[in-house]
Amino acid sequence: MLWSSYNHEGYVQTIARSQSGKLEGPWEQLDPLVKGDSGHGMLFKTFEDNWMLILHHPFSTPESRAIIYEAEETEDRFKIIGPWGQVPRPK
């Protein structure tokens, strides 16, 4: 489950995982996916089957803009690779 919250650095995009795989949980809080005043994200797949995370940054109006990150699904979580367009692509 993606959700936005605060930590000592400000607004963060974070993730929680059901240890049972069911909605009833129990749930465990994982490390934030993106820090630095960012949040309200959504994971999606590209037509090439790559995971992406889109969210807003910073958490202030009217400066807030959408930022897209490339993401990777590991065995038990998601990992942010880097901002889209700034990650070297294999040839």
PDB file of N, CA and C in Angstrom:
ATOM      1  N   MET A   1       0.850  -1.164   0.000  1.00  0.00           N
ATOM      2  CA  MET A   1       0.000   0.000   0.000  1.00  0.00           C
ATOM      3  C   MET A   1       0.897   1.227   0.000  1.00  0.00           C
ATOM      4  N   LEU A   2       0.687   2.104  -0.957  1.00  0.00           N
ATOM      5  CA  LEU A   2       1.396   3.381  -0.978  1.00  0.00           C
ATOM      6  C   LEU A   2       0.656   4.385  -0.115  1.00  0.00           C
ATOM      7  N   TRP A   3       1.407   5.202   0.596  1.00  0.00           N
ATOM      8  CA  TRP A   3       0.776   6.291   1.329  1.00  0.00           C
ATOM      9  C   TRP A   3       1.800   7.372   1.609  1.00  0.00           C
ATOM     10  N   SER A   4       1.323   8.539   1.898  1.00  0.00           N
ATOM     11  CA  SER A   4       2.177   9.696   2.160  1.00  0.00           C
ATOM     12  C   SER A   4       2.098  10.056   3.624  1.00  0.00           C
ATOM     13  N   SER A   5       3.245  10.466   4.166  1.00  0.00           N
ATOM     14  CA  SER A   5       3.327  10.803   5.578  1.00  0.00           C
ATOM     15  C   SER A   5       4.484  11.776   5.780  1.00  0.00           C
ATOM     16  N   TYR A   6       4.774  12.053   7.013  1.00  0.00           N
ATOM     17  CA  TYR A   6       5.893  12.928   7.360  1.00  0.00           C
ATOM     18  C   TYR A   6       6.942  12.134   8.125  1.00  0.00           C
ATOM     19  N   ASN A   7       8.201  12.521   7.957  1.00  0.00           N
ATOM     20  CA  ASN A   7       9.257  12.058   8.840  1.00  0.00           C
ATOM     21  C   ASN A   7      10.085  13.281   9.217  1.00  0.00           C
ATOM     22  N   HIS A   8      11.241  13.079   9.804  1.00  0.00           N
ATOM     23  CA  HIS A   8      12.050  14.214  10.260  1.00  0.00           C
ATOM     24  C   HIS A   8      12.560  15.084   9.102  1.00  0.00           C
ATOM     25  N   GLU A   9      12.496  14.572   7.864  1.00  0.00           N
ATOM     26  CA  GLU A   9      12.953  15.328   6.695  1.00  0.00           C
ATOM     27  C   GLU A   9      11.819  16.042   5.970  1.00  0.00           C
ATOM     28  N   GLY A  10      10.572  15.817   6.396  1.00  0.00           N
ATOM     29  CA  GLY A  10       9.427  16.427   5.723  1.00  0.00           C
ATOM     30  C   GLY A  10       8.491  15.378   5.172  1.00  0.00           C
ATOM     31  N   TYR A  11       7.787  15.738   4.111  1.00  0.00           N
ATOM     32  CA  TYR A  11       6.787  14.869   3.497  1.00  0.00           C
ATOM     33  C   TYR A  11       7.484  13.760   2.714  1.00  0.00           C
ATOM     34  N   VAL A  12       7.007  12.518   2.833  1.00  0.00           N
ATOM     35  CA  VAL A  12       7.623  11.373   2.163  1.00  0.00           C
ATOM     36  C   VAL A  12       6.569  10.480   1.521  1.00  0.00           C
ATOM     37  N   GLN A  13       6.978   9.788   0.452  1.00  0.00           N
ATOM     38  CA  GLN A  13       6.169   8.737  -0.157  1.00  0.00           C
ATOM     39  C   GLN A  13       6.676   7.427   0.416  1.00  0.00           C
ATOM     40  N   THR A  14       5.796   6.710   1.071  1.00  0.00           N
ATOM     41  CA  THR A  14       6.217   5.501   1.746  1.00  0.00           C
ATOM     42  C   THR A  14       5.331   4.327   1.345  1.00  0.00           C
ATOM     43  N   ILE A  15       5.672   3.169   1.852  1.00  0.00           N
ATOM     44  CA  ILE A  15       4.965   1.952   1.474  1.00  0.00           C
ATOM     45  C   ILE A  15       4.817   1.061   2.699  1.00  0.00           C
ATOM     46  N   ALA A  16       3.690   0.392   2.778  1.00  0.00           N
ATOM     47  CA  ALA A  16       3.442  -0.593   3.829  1.00  0.00           C
ATOM     48  C   ALA A  16       3.080  -1.902   3.146  1.00  0.00           C
ATOM     49  N   ARG A  17       3.406  -3.002   3.800  1.00  0.00           N
ATOM     50  CA  ARG A  17       3.182  -4.318   3.210  1.00  0.00           C
ATOM     51  C   ARG A  17       2.443  -5.200   4.205  1.00  0.00           C
ATOM     52  N   SER A  18       1.447  -5.910   3.711  1.00  0.00           N
ATOM     53  CA  SER A  18       0.723  -6.868   4.539  1.00  0.00           C
ATOM     54  C   SER A  18       1.571  -8.118   4.673  1.00  0.00           C
ATOM     55  N   GLN A  19       1.929  -8.469   5.887  1.00  0.00           N
ATOM     56  CA  GLN A  19       2.758  -9.651   6.114  1.00  0.00           C
ATOM     57  C   GLN A  19       2.022 -10.934   5.769  1.00  0.00           C
ATOM     58  N   SER A  20       0.700 -10.908   5.825  1.00  0.00           N
ATOM     59  CA  SER A  20      -0.094 -12.096   5.509  1.00  0.00           C
ATOM     60  C   SER A  20      -0.536 -12.117   4.045  1.00  0.00           C
ATOM     61  N   GLY A  21      -0.384 -10.978   3.346  1.00  0.00           N
ATOM     62  CA  GLY A  21      -0.886 -10.876   1.984  1.00  0.00           C
ATOM     63  C   GLY A  21      -2.377 -10.572   1.932  1.00  0.00           C
ATOM     64  N   LYS A  22      -2.982 -10.365   3.085  1.00  0.00           N
ATOM     65  CA  LYS A  22      -4.415 -10.070   3.170  1.00  0.00           C
ATOM     66  C   LYS A  22      -4.625  -8.652   3.680  1.00  0.00           C
ATOM     67  N   LEU A  23      -5.789  -8.100   3.364  1.00  0.00           N
ATOM     68  CA  LEU A  23      -6.119  -6.748   3.785  1.00  0.00           C
ATOM     69  C   LEU A  23      -6.092  -6.588   5.299  1.00  0.00           C
ATOM     70  N   GLU A  24      -6.429  -7.648   6.014  1.00  0.00           N
ATOM     71  CA  GLU A  24      -6.467  -7.587   7.477  1.00  0.00           C
ATOM     72  C   GLU A  24      -5.071  -7.464   8.100  1.00  0.00           C
ATOM     73  N   GLY A  25      -4.014  -7.719   7.308  1.00  0.00           N
ATOM     74  CA  GLY A  25      -2.659  -7.596   7.826  1.00  0.00           C
ATOM     75  C   GLY A  25      -2.210  -8.836   8.566  1.00  0.00           C
ATOM     76  N   PRO A  26      -1.273  -8.681   9.459  1.00  0.00           N
ATOM     77  CA  PRO A  26      -0.710  -7.435   9.989  1.00  0.00           C
ATOM     78  C   PRO A  26       0.161  -6.712   8.955  1.00  0.00           C
ATOM     79  N   TRP A  27       0.223  -5.391   9.127  1.00  0.00           N
ATOM     80  CA  TRP A  27       0.957  -4.534   8.210  1.00  0.00           C
ATOM     81  C   TRP A  27       2.294  -4.136   8.793  1.00  0.00           C
ATOM     82  N   GLU A  28       3.307  -4.034   7.921  1.00  0.00           N
ATOM     83  CA  GLU A  28       4.613  -3.558   8.355  1.00  0.00           C
ATOM     84  C   GLU A  28       4.996  -2.347   7.515  1.00  0.00           C
ATOM     85  N   GLN A  29       5.534  -1.344   8.181  1.00  0.00           N
ATOM     86  CA  GLN A  29       5.962  -0.107   7.527  1.00  0.00           C
ATOM     87  C   GLN A  29       7.365  -0.307   6.960  1.00  0.00           C
ATOM     88  N   LEU A  30       7.540  -0.083   5.656  1.00  0.00           N
ATOM     89  CA  LEU A  30       8.853  -0.168   5.024  1.00  0.00           C
ATOM     90  C   LEU A  30       9.486   1.212   4.962  1.00  0.00           C
ATOM     91  N   ASP A  31      10.751   1.262   4.590  1.00  0.00           N
ATOM     92  CA  ASP A  31      11.439   2.547   4.447  1.00  0.00           C
ATOM     93  C   ASP A  31      10.767   3.373   3.352  1.00  0.00           C
ATOM     94  N   PRO A  32      10.818   4.714   3.452  1.00  0.00           N
ATOM     95  CA  PRO A  32      10.226   5.556   2.411  1.00  0.00           C
ATOM     96  C   PRO A  32      10.822   5.266   1.035  1.00  0.00           C
ATOM     97  N   LEU A  33       9.978   5.317   0.016  1.00  0.00           N
ATOM     98  CA  LEU A  33      10.445   5.164  -1.362  1.00  0.00           C
ATOM     99  C   LEU A  33      11.121   6.441  -1.843  1.00  0.00           C
ATOM    100  N   VAL A  34      10.491   7.584  -1.547  1.00  0.00           N
ATOM    101  CA  VAL A  34      11.018   8.882  -1.960  1.00  0.00           C
ATOM    102  C   VAL A  34      10.872   9.844  -0.789  1.00  0.00           C
ATOM    103  N   LYS A  35      11.962  10.526  -0.463  1.00  0.00           N
ATOM    104  CA  LYS A  35      11.947  11.547   0.592  1.00  0.00           C
ATOM    105  C   LYS A  35      11.952  12.917  -0.072  1.00  0.00           C
ATOM    106  N   GLY A  36      12.273  13.933   0.689  1.00  0.00           N
ATOM    107  CA  GLY A  36      12.464  15.251   0.098  1.00  0.00           C
ATOM    108  C   GLY A  36      11.200  15.973  -0.294  1.00  0.00           C
ATOM    109  N   ASP A  37      10.174  15.906   0.570  1.00  0.00           N
ATOM    110  CA  ASP A  37       8.965  16.702   0.351  1.00  0.00           C
ATOM    111  C   ASP A  37       8.179  16.233  -0.875  1.00  0.00           C
ATOM    112  N   SER A  38       7.967  14.915  -0.982  1.00  0.00           N
ATOM    113  CA  SER A  38       7.248  14.325  -2.110  1.00  0.00           C
ATOM    114  C   SER A  38       6.168  13.384  -1.608  1.00  0.00           C
ATOM    115  N   GLY A  39       5.087  13.238  -2.367  1.00  0.00           N
ATOM    116  CA  GLY A  39       4.063  12.307  -1.928  1.00  0.00           C
ATOM    117  C   GLY A  39       2.911  12.128  -2.890  1.00  0.00           C
ATOM    118  N   HIS A  40       1.883  11.418  -2.402  1.00  0.00           N
ATOM    119  CA  HIS A  40       0.663  11.092  -3.138  1.00  0.00           C
ATOM    120  C   HIS A  40       0.977  10.407  -4.468  1.00  0.00           C
ATOM    121  N   GLY A  41       1.746   9.332  -4.366  1.00  0.00           N
ATOM    122  CA  GLY A  41       2.221   8.640  -5.556  1.00  0.00           C
ATOM    123  C   GLY A  41       1.309   7.541  -6.058  1.00  0.00           C
ATOM    124  N   MET A  42       1.625   7.081  -7.267  1.00  0.00           N
ATOM    125  CA  MET A  42       0.924   5.967  -7.892  1.00  0.00           C
ATOM    126  C   MET A  42       1.950   5.168  -8.685  1.00  0.00           C
ATOM    127  N   LEU A  43       1.927   3.844  -8.509  1.00  0.00           N
ATOM    128  CA  LEU A  43       2.760   2.953  -9.309  1.00  0.00           C
ATOM    129  C   LEU A  43       1.997   2.543 -10.559  1.00  0.00           C
ATOM    130  N   PHE A  44       2.690   2.465 -11.688  1.00  0.00           N
ATOM    131  CA  PHE A  44       2.076   1.987 -12.922  1.00  0.00           C
ATOM    132  C   PHE A  44       3.147   1.320 -13.771  1.00  0.00           C
ATOM    133  N   LYS A  45       2.711   0.564 -14.783  1.00  0.00           N
ATOM    134  CA  LYS A  45       3.630  -0.079 -15.710  1.00  0.00           C
ATOM    135  C   LYS A  45       3.552   0.594 -17.081  1.00  0.00           C
ATOM    136  N   THR A  46       4.718   0.712 -17.717  1.00  0.00           N
ATOM    137  CA  THR A  46       4.770   1.255 -19.068  1.00  0.00           C
ATOM    138  C   THR A  46       4.348   0.179 -20.057  1.00  0.00           C
ATOM    139  N   PHE A  47       4.198   0.569 -21.322  1.00  0.00           N
ATOM    140  CA  PHE A  47       3.879  -0.400 -22.359  1.00  0.00           C
ATOM    141  C   PHE A  47       5.003  -1.428 -22.526  1.00  0.00           C
ATOM    142  N   GLU A  48       6.211  -1.062 -22.082  1.00  0.00           N
ATOM    143  CA  GLU A  48       7.351  -1.978 -22.141  1.00  0.00           C
ATOM    144  C   GLU A  48       7.454  -2.839 -20.888  1.00  0.00           C
ATOM    145  N   ASP A  49       6.443  -2.769 -20.005  1.00  0.00           N
ATOM    146  CA  ASP A  49       6.357  -3.588 -18.786  1.00  0.00           C
ATOM    147  C   ASP A  49       7.345  -3.164 -17.696  1.00  0.00           C
ATOM    148  N   ASN A  50       7.723  -1.879 -17.669  1.00  0.00           N
ATOM    149  CA  ASN A  50       8.606  -1.348 -16.627  1.00  0.00           C
ATOM    150  C   ASN A  50       7.775  -0.613 -15.572  1.00  0.00           C
ATOM    151  N   TRP A  51       8.127  -0.788 -14.315  1.00  0.00           N
ATOM    152  CA  TRP A  51       7.442  -0.093 -13.225  1.00  0.00           C
ATOM    153  C   TRP A  51       7.900   1.355 -13.149  1.00  0.00           C
ATOM    154  N   MET A  52       6.942   2.251 -12.904  1.00  0.00           N
ATOM    155  CA  MET A  52       7.204   3.678 -12.725  1.00  0.00           C
ATOM    156  C   MET A  52       6.403   4.164 -11.508  1.00  0.00           C
ATOM    157  N   LEU A  53       6.908   5.199 -10.865  1.00  0.00           N
ATOM    158  CA  LEU A  53       6.211   5.850  -9.752  1.00  0.00           C
ATOM    159  C   LEU A  53       6.075   7.319 -10.108  1.00  0.00           C
ATOM    160  N   ILE A  54       4.839   7.819 -10.087  1.00  0.00           N
ATOM    161  CA  ILE A  54       4.615   9.248 -10.319  1.00  0.00           C
ATOM    162  C   ILE A  54       4.108   9.851  -9.020  1.00  0.00           C
ATOM    163  N   LEU A  55       4.623  11.022  -8.667  1.00  0.00           N
ATOM    164  CA  LEU A  55       4.199  11.713  -7.452  1.00  0.00           C
ATOM    165  C   LEU A  55       4.421  13.207  -7.599  1.00  0.00           C
ATOM    166  N   HIS A  56       3.996  13.971  -6.590  1.00  0.00           N
ATOM    167  CA  HIS A  56       4.200  15.412  -6.659  1.00  0.00           C
ATOM    168  C   HIS A  56       5.396  15.813  -5.794  1.00  0.00           C
ATOM    169  N   HIS A  57       6.042  16.885  -6.226  1.00  0.00           N
ATOM    170  CA  HIS A  57       7.172  17.461  -5.494  1.00  0.00           C
ATOM    171  C   HIS A  57       7.271  18.924  -5.894  1.00  0.00           C
ATOM    172  N   PRO A  58       7.490  19.837  -5.014  1.00  0.00           N
ATOM    173  CA  PRO A  58       7.437  19.728  -3.559  1.00  0.00           C
ATOM    174  C   PRO A  58       5.993  19.765  -3.064  1.00  0.00           C
ATOM    175  N   PHE A  59       5.835  19.679  -1.762  1.00  0.00           N
ATOM    176  CA  PHE A  59       4.511  19.687  -1.151  1.00  0.00           C
ATOM    177  C   PHE A  59       4.105  21.127  -0.834  1.00  0.00           C
ATOM    178  N   SER A  60       4.048  21.958  -1.864  1.00  0.00           N
ATOM    179  CA  SER A  60       3.623  23.349  -1.689  1.00  0.00           C
ATOM    180  C   SER A  60       3.048  23.859  -3.008  1.00  0.00           C
ATOM    181  N   THR A  61       2.064  24.712  -2.895  1.00  0.00           N
ATOM    182  CA  THR A  61       1.401  25.292  -4.057  1.00  0.00           C
ATOM    183  C   THR A  61       1.908  26.714  -4.236  1.00  0.00           C
ATOM    184  N   PRO A  62       2.176  27.179  -5.420  1.00  0.00           N
ATOM    185  CA  PRO A  62       1.957  26.586  -6.732  1.00  0.00           C
ATOM    186  C   PRO A  62       3.195  25.879  -7.289  1.00  0.00           C
ATOM    187  N   GLU A  63       4.209  25.599  -6.490  1.00  0.00           N
ATOM    188  CA  GLU A  63       5.460  25.003  -6.972  1.00  0.00           C
ATOM    189  C   GLU A  63       5.369  23.517  -7.287  1.00  0.00           C
ATOM    190  N   SER A  64       4.346  22.830  -6.768  1.00  0.00           N
ATOM    191  CA  SER A  64       4.236  21.378  -6.899  1.00  0.00           C
ATOM    192  C   SER A  64       4.126  20.937  -8.354  1.00  0.00           C
ATOM    193  N   ARG A  65       4.923  19.936  -8.716  1.00  0.00           N
ATOM    194  CA  ARG A  65       4.931  19.379 -10.066  1.00  0.00           C
ATOM    195  C   ARG A  65       4.998  17.862  -9.991  1.00  0.00           C
ATOM    196  N   ALA A  66       4.558  17.199 -11.061  1.00  0.00           N
ATOM    197  CA  ALA A  66       4.659  15.747 -11.143  1.00  0.00           C
ATOM    198  C   ALA A  66       6.094  15.358 -11.468  1.00  0.00           C
ATOM    199  N   ILE A  67       6.586  14.338 -10.778  1.00  0.00           N
ATOM    200  CA  ILE A  67       7.900  13.761 -11.055  1.00  0.00           C
ATOM    201  C   ILE A  67       7.705  12.265 -11.246  1.00  0.00           C
ATOM    202  N   ILE A  68       8.370  11.721 -12.243  1.00  0.00           N
ATOM    203  CA  ILE A  68       8.274  10.292 -12.529  1.00  0.00           C
ATOM    204  C   ILE A  68       9.608   9.632 -12.212  1.00  0.00           C
ATOM    205  N   TYR A  69       9.527   8.528 -11.477  1.00  0.00           N
ATOM    206  CA  TYR A  69      10.717   7.746 -11.120  1.00  0.00           C
ATOM    207  C   TYR A  69      10.600   6.354 -11.723  1.00  0.00           C
ATOM    208  N   GLU A  70      11.731   5.811 -12.148  1.00  0.00           N
ATOM    209  CA  GLU A  70      11.759   4.415 -12.532  1.00  0.00           C
ATOM    210  C   GLU A  70      11.848   3.590 -11.261  1.00  0.00           C
ATOM    211  N   ALA A  71      11.099   2.493 -11.226  1.00  0.00           N
ATOM    212  CA  ALA A  71      11.053   1.639 -10.041  1.00  0.00           C
ATOM    213  C   ALA A  71      11.326   0.201 -10.448  1.00  0.00           C
ATOM    214  N   GLU A  72      11.700  -0.585  -9.450  1.00  0.00           N
ATOM    215  CA  GLU A  72      11.987  -1.989  -9.679  1.00  0.00           C
ATOM    216  C   GLU A  72      11.284  -2.801  -8.609  1.00  0.00           C
ATOM    217  N   GLU A  73      10.614  -3.859  -9.022  1.00  0.00           N
ATOM    218  CA  GLU A  73       9.972  -4.753  -8.067  1.00  0.00           C
ATOM    219  C   GLU A  73      10.970  -5.844  -7.701  1.00  0.00           C
ATOM    220  N   THR A  74      11.294  -5.933  -6.422  1.00  0.00           N
ATOM    221  CA  THR A  74      12.170  -6.991  -5.947  1.00  0.00           C
ATOM    222  C   THR A  74      11.297  -8.095  -5.366  1.00  0.00           C
ATOM    223  N   GLU A  75      11.908  -9.042  -4.725  1.00  0.00           N
ATOM    224  CA  GLU A  75      11.155 -10.180  -4.194  1.00  0.00           C
ATOM    225  C   GLU A  75      10.075  -9.762  -3.196  1.00  0.00           C
ATOM    226  N   ASP A  76      10.380  -8.752  -2.372  1.00  0.00           N
ATOM    227  CA  ASP A  76       9.440  -8.405  -1.307  1.00  0.00           C
ATOM    228  C   ASP A  76       9.161  -6.914  -1.144  1.00  0.00           C
ATOM    229  N   ARG A  77       9.540  -6.109  -2.141  1.00  0.00           N
ATOM    230  CA  ARG A  77       9.305  -4.659  -2.038  1.00  0.00           C
ATOM    231  C   ARG A  77       9.559  -3.976  -3.375  1.00  0.00           C
ATOM    232  N   PHE A  78       9.396  -2.670  -3.404  1.00  0.00           N
ATOM    233  CA  PHE A  78       9.756  -1.864  -4.564  1.00  0.00           C
ATOM    234  C   PHE A  78      10.978  -1.037  -4.216  1.00  0.00           C
ATOM    235  N   LYS A  79      11.785  -0.767  -5.218  1.00  0.00           N
ATOM    236  CA  LYS A  79      12.998   0.037  -5.051  1.00  0.00           C
ATOM    237  C   LYS A  79      12.977   1.112  -6.132  1.00  0.00           C
ATOM    238  N   ILE A  80      13.275   2.342  -5.755  1.00  0.00           N
ATOM    239  CA  ILE A  80      13.341   3.437  -6.716  1.00  0.00           C
ATOM    240  C   ILE A  80      14.729   3.446  -7.332  1.00  0.00           C
ATOM    241  N   ILE A  81      14.774   3.408  -8.665  1.00  0.00           N
ATOM    242  CA  ILE A  81      16.053   3.400  -9.380  1.00  0.00           C
ATOM    243  C   ILE A  81      16.557   4.832  -9.572  1.00  0.00           C
ATOM    244  N   GLY A  82      15.667   5.719  -9.958  1.00  0.00           N
ATOM    245  CA  GLY A  82      16.050   7.115 -10.151  1.00  0.00           C
ATOM    246  C   GLY A  82      15.006   7.846 -10.969  1.00  0.00           C
ATOM    247  N   PRO A  83      15.151   9.162 -11.077  1.00  0.00           N
ATOM    248  CA  PRO A  83      14.193   9.938 -11.875  1.00  0.00           C
ATOM    249  C   PRO A  83      14.187   9.476 -13.325  1.00  0.00           C
ATOM    250  N   TRP A  84      13.002   9.390 -13.906  1.00  0.00           N
ATOM    251  CA  TRP A  84      12.847   8.959 -15.287  1.00  0.00           C
ATOM    252  C   TRP A  84      13.587   9.897 -16.219  1.00  0.00           C
ATOM    253  N   GLY A  85      14.257   9.317 -17.192  1.00  0.00           N
ATOM    254  CA  GLY A  85      15.005  10.108 -18.150  1.00  0.00           C
ATOM    255  C   GLY A  85      16.418  10.383 -17.709  1.00  0.00           C
ATOM    256  N   GLN A  86      16.759  10.108 -16.445  1.00  0.00           N
ATOM    257  CA  GLN A  86      18.110  10.334 -15.949  1.00  0.00           C
ATOM    258  C   GLN A  86      18.836   9.036 -15.649  1.00  0.00           C
ATOM    259  N   VAL A  87      18.163   7.908 -15.911  1.00  0.00           N
ATOM    260  CA  VAL A  87      18.760   6.604 -15.658  1.00  0.00           C
ATOM    261  C   VAL A  87      19.298   6.063 -16.976  1.00  0.00           C
ATOM    262  N   PRO A  88      20.576   5.649 -17.023  1.00  0.00           N
ATOM    263  CA  PRO A  88      21.108   5.100 -18.280  1.00  0.00           C
ATOM    264  C   PRO A  88      20.300   3.867 -18.707  1.00  0.00           C
ATOM    265  N   ARG A  89      19.952   3.817 -19.955  1.00  0.00           N
ATOM    266  CA  ARG A  89      19.173   2.707 -20.493  1.00  0.00           C
ATOM    267  C   ARG A  89      20.088   1.743 -21.241  1.00  0.00           C
ATOM    268  N   PRO A  90      19.837   0.424 -21.088  1.00  0.00           N
ATOM    269  CA  PRO A  90      20.646  -0.541 -21.835  1.00  0.00           C
ATOM    270  C   PRO A  90      20.401  -0.406 -23.329  1.00  0.00           C
ATOM    271  N   LYS A  91      21.423  -0.654 -24.130  1.00  0.00           N
ATOM    272  CA  LYS A  91      21.289  -0.548 -25.594  1.00  0.00           C
ATOM    273  C   LYS A  91      21.014  -1.895 -26.202  1.00  0.00           C
TER     274      LYS A  91
END
